[in-house]
Amino acid sequence: MRKKRVFVSFDFDNDSNLKEFFVSQSKLEESPFEITDYSLIEAAPHWSWVVKTTNAIRRSETVVVIVGTKTYCAPGVLREIAIARREEKRVIQIAGYKNVFCRSVAGAGFVYEWSWANLKKLLDPSRPGSHHG
């Protein structure tokens, strides 16, 4: 079964645990998606980080933003969204927490509930990877 190639954007400093949960779901046999790459630490020189991130996003069909309490202002996430939009990749947001208000990331589209049903629908490999969120 073909799987949709996904780049995962998340707040590296605050939500690495959410990324791990998402990666675990991608490894399930019935998962409709696979992780091509995910947010990189910005320790490298800026140009190097931009090149690596742009290449990783180009390899993906969809960029998934995992929304936590501070994601909306995480510099790396904001840059990744800008790159995804420039590369005309589809961007979707999923809420990282239930019953906790988390502001959406500007320019990253609608925030969906993180549920298996939503992931299967949103990341269906037969669905085109248009840039509309």
N, C-alpha and C. Protein backbone atom coordinates (compact mmCIF):
# COMPACT_ATOMS: atom_id res chain seq x y z
N MET A 1 0.84 -1.19 0.00
CA MET A 1 0.00 0.00 0.00
C MET A 1 0.89 1.25 0.00
N ARG A 2 0.57 2.16 -0.92
CA ARG A 2 1.29 3.42 -0.97
C ARG A 2 0.90 4.28 0.23
N LYS A 3 1.87 5.00 0.76
CA LYS A 3 1.63 5.88 1.90
C LYS A 3 1.98 7.31 1.51
N LYS A 4 1.24 8.26 2.06
CA LYS A 4 1.51 9.68 1.80
C LYS A 4 2.78 10.08 2.54
N ARG A 5 3.65 10.79 1.86
CA ARG A 5 4.91 11.26 2.45
C ARG A 5 4.66 12.57 3.18
N VAL A 6 4.98 12.59 4.48
CA VAL A 6 4.65 13.71 5.35
C VAL A 6 5.90 14.29 6.01
N PHE A 7 5.98 15.61 6.02
CA PHE A 7 6.98 16.33 6.81
C PHE A 7 6.25 16.81 8.06
N VAL A 8 6.83 16.61 9.24
CA VAL A 8 6.20 16.99 10.49
C VAL A 8 6.88 18.23 11.05
N SER A 9 6.07 19.27 11.26
CA SER A 9 6.55 20.51 11.85
C SER A 9 5.98 20.60 13.27
N PHE A 10 6.85 20.90 14.22
CA PHE A 10 6.42 20.97 15.62
C PHE A 10 7.38 21.86 16.39
N ASP A 11 6.96 22.28 17.56
CA ASP A 11 7.78 23.12 18.43
C ASP A 11 8.82 22.22 19.10
N PHE A 12 10.03 22.26 18.58
CA PHE A 12 11.10 21.36 19.04
C PHE A 12 11.35 21.48 20.54
N ASP A 13 11.29 22.69 21.07
CA ASP A 13 11.60 22.91 22.49
C ASP A 13 10.52 22.43 23.44
N ASN A 14 9.28 22.36 22.98
CA ASN A 14 8.18 22.06 23.89
C ASN A 14 7.35 20.83 23.56
N ASP A 15 7.41 20.34 22.33
CA ASP A 15 6.49 19.29 21.93
C ASP A 15 7.14 18.08 21.26
N SER A 16 8.37 17.76 21.62
CA SER A 16 9.02 16.59 21.03
C SER A 16 8.26 15.31 21.34
N ASN A 17 7.59 15.26 22.48
CA ASN A 17 6.80 14.07 22.83
C ASN A 17 5.64 13.88 21.84
N LEU A 18 5.03 14.96 21.38
CA LEU A 18 3.94 14.85 20.42
C LEU A 18 4.46 14.31 19.09
N LYS A 19 5.64 14.77 18.69
CA LYS A 19 6.24 14.26 17.45
C LYS A 19 6.48 12.76 17.57
N GLU A 20 6.93 12.30 18.72
CA GLU A 20 7.18 10.87 18.91
C GLU A 20 5.88 10.06 18.79
N PHE A 21 4.78 10.58 19.34
CA PHE A 21 3.48 9.91 19.20
C PHE A 21 3.09 9.81 17.73
N PHE A 22 3.29 10.90 16.99
CA PHE A 22 2.92 10.95 15.58
C PHE A 22 3.78 9.96 14.78
N VAL A 23 5.07 9.93 15.06
CA VAL A 23 5.97 8.99 14.38
C VAL A 23 5.52 7.55 14.67
N SER A 24 5.14 7.27 15.90
CA SER A 24 4.67 5.93 16.26
C SER A 24 3.44 5.55 15.44
N GLN A 25 2.51 6.50 15.27
CA GLN A 25 1.32 6.21 14.48
C GLN A 25 1.68 5.93 13.03
N SER A 26 2.69 6.61 12.52
CA SER A 26 3.09 6.40 11.12
C SER A 26 3.63 5.00 10.88
N LYS A 27 4.11 4.36 11.94
CA LYS A 27 4.72 3.03 11.80
C LYS A 27 3.70 1.90 11.86
N LEU A 28 2.45 2.23 12.18
CA LEU A 28 1.41 1.20 12.19
C LEU A 28 1.16 0.71 10.77
N GLU A 29 0.92 -0.58 10.63
CA GLU A 29 0.73 -1.17 9.31
C GLU A 29 -0.40 -0.49 8.54
N GLU A 30 -1.48 -0.15 9.22
CA GLU A 30 -2.64 0.45 8.55
C GLU A 30 -2.52 1.96 8.37
N SER A 31 -1.40 2.54 8.76
CA SER A 31 -1.21 3.98 8.63
C SER A 31 -1.18 4.39 7.16
N PRO A 32 -1.91 5.48 6.80
CA PRO A 32 -1.90 5.93 5.42
C PRO A 32 -0.72 6.86 5.09
N PHE A 33 0.14 7.10 6.07
CA PHE A 33 1.24 8.04 5.86
C PHE A 33 2.54 7.52 6.41
N GLU A 34 3.63 8.10 5.89
CA GLU A 34 4.97 7.82 6.40
C GLU A 34 5.68 9.15 6.59
N ILE A 35 6.56 9.20 7.56
CA ILE A 35 7.30 10.43 7.85
C ILE A 35 8.53 10.47 6.95
N THR A 36 8.64 11.53 6.16
CA THR A 36 9.84 11.69 5.33
C THR A 36 10.91 12.43 6.12
N ASP A 37 10.47 13.33 6.98
CA ASP A 37 11.41 14.09 7.80
C ASP A 37 10.60 14.92 8.78
N TYR A 38 11.30 15.57 9.70
CA TYR A 38 10.61 16.41 10.66
C TYR A 38 11.50 17.55 11.07
N SER A 39 10.91 18.51 11.78
CA SER A 39 11.61 19.73 12.18
C SER A 39 13.04 19.44 12.61
N LEU A 40 13.93 20.29 12.15
CA LEU A 40 15.35 20.14 12.48
C LEU A 40 15.73 21.16 13.54
N ILE A 41 16.67 20.80 14.37
CA ILE A 41 17.19 21.77 15.35
C ILE A 41 17.89 22.87 14.57
N GLU A 42 17.69 24.09 14.97
CA GLU A 42 18.28 25.22 14.25
C GLU A 42 19.71 25.53 14.72
N ALA A 43 20.46 24.51 15.09
CA ALA A 43 21.82 24.73 15.59
C ALA A 43 22.80 24.99 14.44
N ALA A 44 22.45 24.52 13.25
CA ALA A 44 23.32 24.72 12.09
C ALA A 44 23.25 26.18 11.65
N PRO A 45 24.24 26.63 10.86
CA PRO A 45 24.14 27.99 10.32
C PRO A 45 22.81 28.14 9.56
N HIS A 46 22.25 29.34 9.59
CA HIS A 46 20.93 29.59 9.03
C HIS A 46 20.78 29.06 7.60
N TRP A 47 21.73 29.36 6.72
CA TRP A 47 21.62 28.93 5.33
C TRP A 47 21.57 27.41 5.22
N SER A 48 22.35 26.72 6.05
CA SER A 48 22.38 25.26 6.03
C SER A 48 21.04 24.69 6.48
N TRP A 49 20.48 25.27 7.54
CA TRP A 49 19.17 24.83 8.05
C TRP A 49 18.10 25.03 6.98
N VAL A 50 18.11 26.18 6.31
CA VAL A 50 17.11 26.47 5.28
C VAL A 50 17.21 25.48 4.14
N VAL A 51 18.43 25.19 3.69
CA VAL A 51 18.62 24.25 2.58
C VAL A 51 18.13 22.86 2.97
N LYS A 52 18.53 22.38 4.14
CA LYS A 52 18.13 21.04 4.59
C LYS A 52 16.62 20.95 4.77
N THR A 53 16.02 21.98 5.36
CA THR A 53 14.58 21.98 5.59
C THR A 53 13.82 22.06 4.27
N THR A 54 14.27 22.91 3.36
CA THR A 54 13.61 23.03 2.06
C THR A 54 13.65 21.70 1.33
N ASN A 55 14.79 21.03 1.32
CA ASN A 55 14.90 19.73 0.66
C ASN A 55 13.99 18.69 1.30
N ALA A 56 13.90 18.69 2.62
CA ALA A 56 13.04 17.74 3.32
C ALA A 56 11.57 18.00 2.98
N ILE A 57 11.17 19.26 2.94
CA ILE A 57 9.78 19.60 2.62
C ILE A 57 9.49 19.26 1.15
N ARG A 58 10.43 19.46 0.27
CA ARG A 58 10.24 19.10 -1.15
C ARG A 58 9.98 17.61 -1.31
N ARG A 59 10.60 16.77 -0.48
CA ARG A 59 10.42 15.32 -0.56
C ARG A 59 9.04 14.88 -0.06
N SER A 60 8.36 15.77 0.64
CA SER A 60 7.06 15.41 1.22
C SER A 60 5.93 15.78 0.27
N GLU A 61 4.76 15.20 0.54
CA GLU A 61 3.54 15.57 -0.18
C GLU A 61 2.71 16.54 0.65
N THR A 62 2.79 16.41 1.96
CA THR A 62 2.00 17.21 2.88
C THR A 62 2.87 17.57 4.08
N VAL A 63 2.66 18.78 4.62
CA VAL A 63 3.31 19.19 5.85
C VAL A 63 2.25 19.18 6.95
N VAL A 64 2.53 18.44 8.01
CA VAL A 64 1.61 18.38 9.16
C VAL A 64 2.24 19.17 10.29
N VAL A 65 1.49 20.16 10.79
CA VAL A 65 1.93 20.94 11.94
C VAL A 65 1.23 20.38 13.17
N ILE A 66 2.02 19.93 14.13
CA ILE A 66 1.44 19.46 15.40
C ILE A 66 1.39 20.67 16.32
N VAL A 67 0.19 21.08 16.67
CA VAL A 67 -0.02 22.33 17.40
C VAL A 67 -0.03 22.10 18.90
N GLY A 68 0.94 22.72 19.57
CA GLY A 68 1.01 22.73 21.03
C GLY A 68 0.76 24.14 21.53
N THR A 69 1.03 24.37 22.79
CA THR A 69 0.69 25.66 23.40
C THR A 69 1.54 26.82 22.90
N LYS A 70 2.75 26.56 22.41
CA LYS A 70 3.62 27.65 21.96
C LYS A 70 4.04 27.53 20.49
N THR A 71 3.42 26.60 19.78
CA THR A 71 3.78 26.37 18.38
C THR A 71 3.58 27.62 17.53
N TYR A 72 2.52 28.38 17.82
CA TYR A 72 2.19 29.56 17.01
C TYR A 72 3.32 30.58 16.95
N CYS A 73 4.24 30.54 17.91
CA CYS A 73 5.33 31.52 17.91
C CYS A 73 6.71 30.85 17.83
N ALA A 74 6.76 29.57 17.50
CA ALA A 74 8.05 28.87 17.37
C ALA A 74 8.70 29.28 16.05
N PRO A 75 9.87 29.92 16.10
CA PRO A 75 10.50 30.44 14.88
C PRO A 75 10.71 29.39 13.80
N GLY A 76 11.15 28.20 14.19
CA GLY A 76 11.40 27.15 13.20
C GLY A 76 10.12 26.72 12.49
N VAL A 77 9.04 26.60 13.25
CA VAL A 77 7.75 26.22 12.66
C VAL A 77 7.29 27.30 11.67
N LEU A 78 7.41 28.55 12.05
CA LEU A 78 6.99 29.64 11.16
C LEU A 78 7.79 29.63 9.87
N ARG A 79 9.08 29.36 9.95
CA ARG A 79 9.91 29.27 8.75
C ARG A 79 9.52 28.06 7.90
N GLU A 80 9.24 26.93 8.56
CA GLU A 80 8.85 25.73 7.81
C GLU A 80 7.54 25.95 7.06
N ILE A 81 6.60 26.65 7.67
CA ILE A 81 5.33 26.94 7.00
C ILE A 81 5.58 27.84 5.78
N ALA A 82 6.43 28.83 5.95
CA ALA A 82 6.75 29.73 4.82
C ALA A 82 7.39 28.93 3.68
N ILE A 83 8.29 28.02 4.01
CA ILE A 83 8.92 27.18 2.99
C ILE A 83 7.87 26.29 2.32
N ALA A 84 7.01 25.68 3.10
CA ALA A 84 5.97 24.80 2.55
C ALA A 84 5.07 25.57 1.59
N ARG A 85 4.68 26.77 1.96
CA ARG A 85 3.83 27.59 1.09
C ARG A 85 4.56 27.95 -0.19
N ARG A 86 5.84 28.32 -0.07
CA ARG A 86 6.63 28.66 -1.25
C ARG A 86 6.76 27.45 -2.19
N GLU A 87 6.88 26.27 -1.60
CA GLU A 87 7.01 25.03 -2.38
C GLU A 87 5.65 24.46 -2.80
N GLU A 88 4.58 25.17 -2.46
CA GLU A 88 3.21 24.79 -2.80
C GLU A 88 2.84 23.41 -2.27
N LYS A 89 3.22 23.15 -1.03
CA LYS A 89 2.86 21.91 -0.36
C LYS A 89 1.58 22.12 0.45
N ARG A 90 0.79 21.10 0.54
CA ARG A 90 -0.41 21.15 1.37
C ARG A 90 0.03 21.18 2.83
N VAL A 91 -0.58 22.06 3.62
CA VAL A 91 -0.26 22.18 5.04
C VAL A 91 -1.54 21.97 5.84
N ILE A 92 -1.47 21.09 6.83
CA ILE A 92 -2.59 20.90 7.75
C ILE A 92 -2.07 20.98 9.18
N GLN A 93 -2.95 21.34 10.08
CA GLN A 93 -2.59 21.40 11.50
C GLN A 93 -3.43 20.39 12.26
N ILE A 94 -2.80 19.72 13.22
CA ILE A 94 -3.55 18.85 14.12
C ILE A 94 -3.28 19.32 15.55
N ALA A 95 -4.33 19.30 16.35
CA ALA A 95 -4.23 19.74 17.74
C ALA A 95 -3.46 18.69 18.53
N GLY A 96 -2.41 19.13 19.19
CA GLY A 96 -1.57 18.21 19.94
C GLY A 96 -2.17 17.75 21.25
N TYR A 97 -3.08 18.54 21.79
CA TYR A 97 -3.65 18.23 23.11
C TYR A 97 -5.16 18.37 23.07
N LYS A 98 -5.83 17.52 23.81
CA LYS A 98 -7.28 17.64 23.98
C LYS A 98 -7.52 18.51 25.22
N ASN A 99 -8.56 19.30 25.17
CA ASN A 99 -8.98 20.13 26.31
C ASN A 99 -7.94 21.15 26.75
N VAL A 100 -7.03 21.52 25.85
CA VAL A 100 -6.05 22.57 26.13
C VAL A 100 -6.09 23.52 24.94
N PHE A 101 -6.30 24.81 25.20
CA PHE A 101 -6.34 25.76 24.10
C PHE A 101 -4.93 25.96 23.54
N CYS A 102 -4.82 25.78 22.25
CA CYS A 102 -3.56 26.00 21.55
C CYS A 102 -3.85 26.86 20.32
N ARG A 103 -3.23 28.03 20.25
CA ARG A 103 -3.43 28.91 19.10
C ARG A 103 -2.91 28.25 17.84
N SER A 104 -3.65 28.44 16.76
CA SER A 104 -3.21 27.91 15.48
C SER A 104 -2.02 28.73 14.97
N VAL A 105 -1.27 28.14 14.07
CA VAL A 105 -0.13 28.81 13.46
C VAL A 105 -0.64 29.59 12.25
N ALA A 106 -0.34 30.86 12.19
CA ALA A 106 -0.79 31.71 11.09
C ALA A 106 -0.31 31.14 9.75
N GLY A 107 -1.22 31.08 8.80
CA GLY A 107 -0.88 30.61 7.46
C GLY A 107 -0.82 29.11 7.29
N ALA A 108 -1.18 28.36 8.33
CA ALA A 108 -1.06 26.91 8.25
C ALA A 108 -2.39 26.19 8.14
N GLY A 109 -3.46 26.93 7.91
CA GLY A 109 -4.75 26.30 7.67
C GLY A 109 -5.51 25.94 8.94
N PHE A 110 -6.57 25.20 8.73
CA PHE A 110 -7.49 24.79 9.78
C PHE A 110 -6.81 23.82 10.75
N VAL A 111 -7.21 23.88 12.03
CA VAL A 111 -6.69 22.94 13.03
C VAL A 111 -7.70 21.81 13.19
N TYR A 112 -7.26 20.60 12.92
CA TYR A 112 -8.11 19.42 13.05
C TYR A 112 -7.82 18.70 14.36
N GLU A 113 -8.83 18.01 14.87
CA GLU A 113 -8.63 17.17 16.04
C GLU A 113 -7.70 16.03 15.66
N TRP A 114 -6.80 15.68 16.56
CA TRP A 114 -5.88 14.57 16.33
C TRP A 114 -6.62 13.29 16.66
N SER A 115 -7.12 12.64 15.64
CA SER A 115 -7.81 11.36 15.80
C SER A 115 -7.37 10.46 14.66
N TRP A 116 -7.48 9.18 14.87
CA TRP A 116 -7.09 8.23 13.84
C TRP A 116 -7.96 8.42 12.60
N ALA A 117 -9.26 8.66 12.80
CA ALA A 117 -10.18 8.87 11.67
C ALA A 117 -9.75 10.10 10.86
N ASN A 118 -9.41 11.20 11.52
CA ASN A 118 -8.98 12.40 10.81
C ASN A 118 -7.67 12.17 10.07
N LEU A 119 -6.72 11.50 10.72
CA LEU A 119 -5.43 11.26 10.06
C LEU A 119 -5.63 10.41 8.81
N LYS A 120 -6.48 9.38 8.91
CA LYS A 120 -6.71 8.52 7.76
C LYS A 120 -7.37 9.28 6.62
N LYS A 121 -8.28 10.19 6.95
CA LYS A 121 -8.97 10.98 5.93
C LYS A 121 -8.05 12.05 5.34
N LEU A 122 -7.40 12.81 6.21
CA LEU A 122 -6.56 13.92 5.76
C LEU A 122 -5.31 13.47 5.02
N LEU A 123 -4.78 12.31 5.40
CA LEU A 123 -3.52 11.84 4.83
C LEU A 123 -3.71 10.63 3.92
N ASP A 124 -4.90 10.48 3.41
CA ASP A 124 -5.19 9.41 2.46
C ASP A 124 -4.26 9.57 1.25
N PRO A 125 -3.49 8.52 0.93
CA PRO A 125 -2.52 8.65 -0.16
C PRO A 125 -3.17 8.91 -1.53
N SER A 126 -4.46 8.61 -1.68
CA SER A 126 -5.11 8.87 -2.96
C SER A 126 -5.57 10.33 -3.07
N ARG A 127 -5.53 11.06 -1.96
CA ARG A 127 -5.92 12.47 -1.97
C ARG A 127 -4.76 13.30 -2.51
N PRO A 128 -5.04 14.18 -3.46
CA PRO A 128 -3.96 15.01 -4.01
C PRO A 128 -3.30 15.86 -2.92
N GLY A 129 -2.03 16.12 -3.08
CA GLY A 129 -1.27 16.92 -2.12
C GLY A 129 -1.25 18.38 -2.49
N SER A 130 -2.42 18.96 -2.75
CA SER A 130 -2.47 20.36 -3.14
C SER A 130 -2.00 21.25 -2.00
N HIS A 131 -1.72 22.49 -2.31
CA HIS A 131 -1.20 23.41 -1.31
C HIS A 131 -2.29 24.07 -0.50
N HIS A 132 -3.51 23.74 -0.73
CA HIS A 132 -4.60 24.34 0.03
C HIS A 132 -4.79 23.58 1.33
N GLY A 133 -4.76 24.33 2.48
CA GLY A 133 -4.82 23.73 3.81
C GLY A 133 -6.10 23.30 4.21
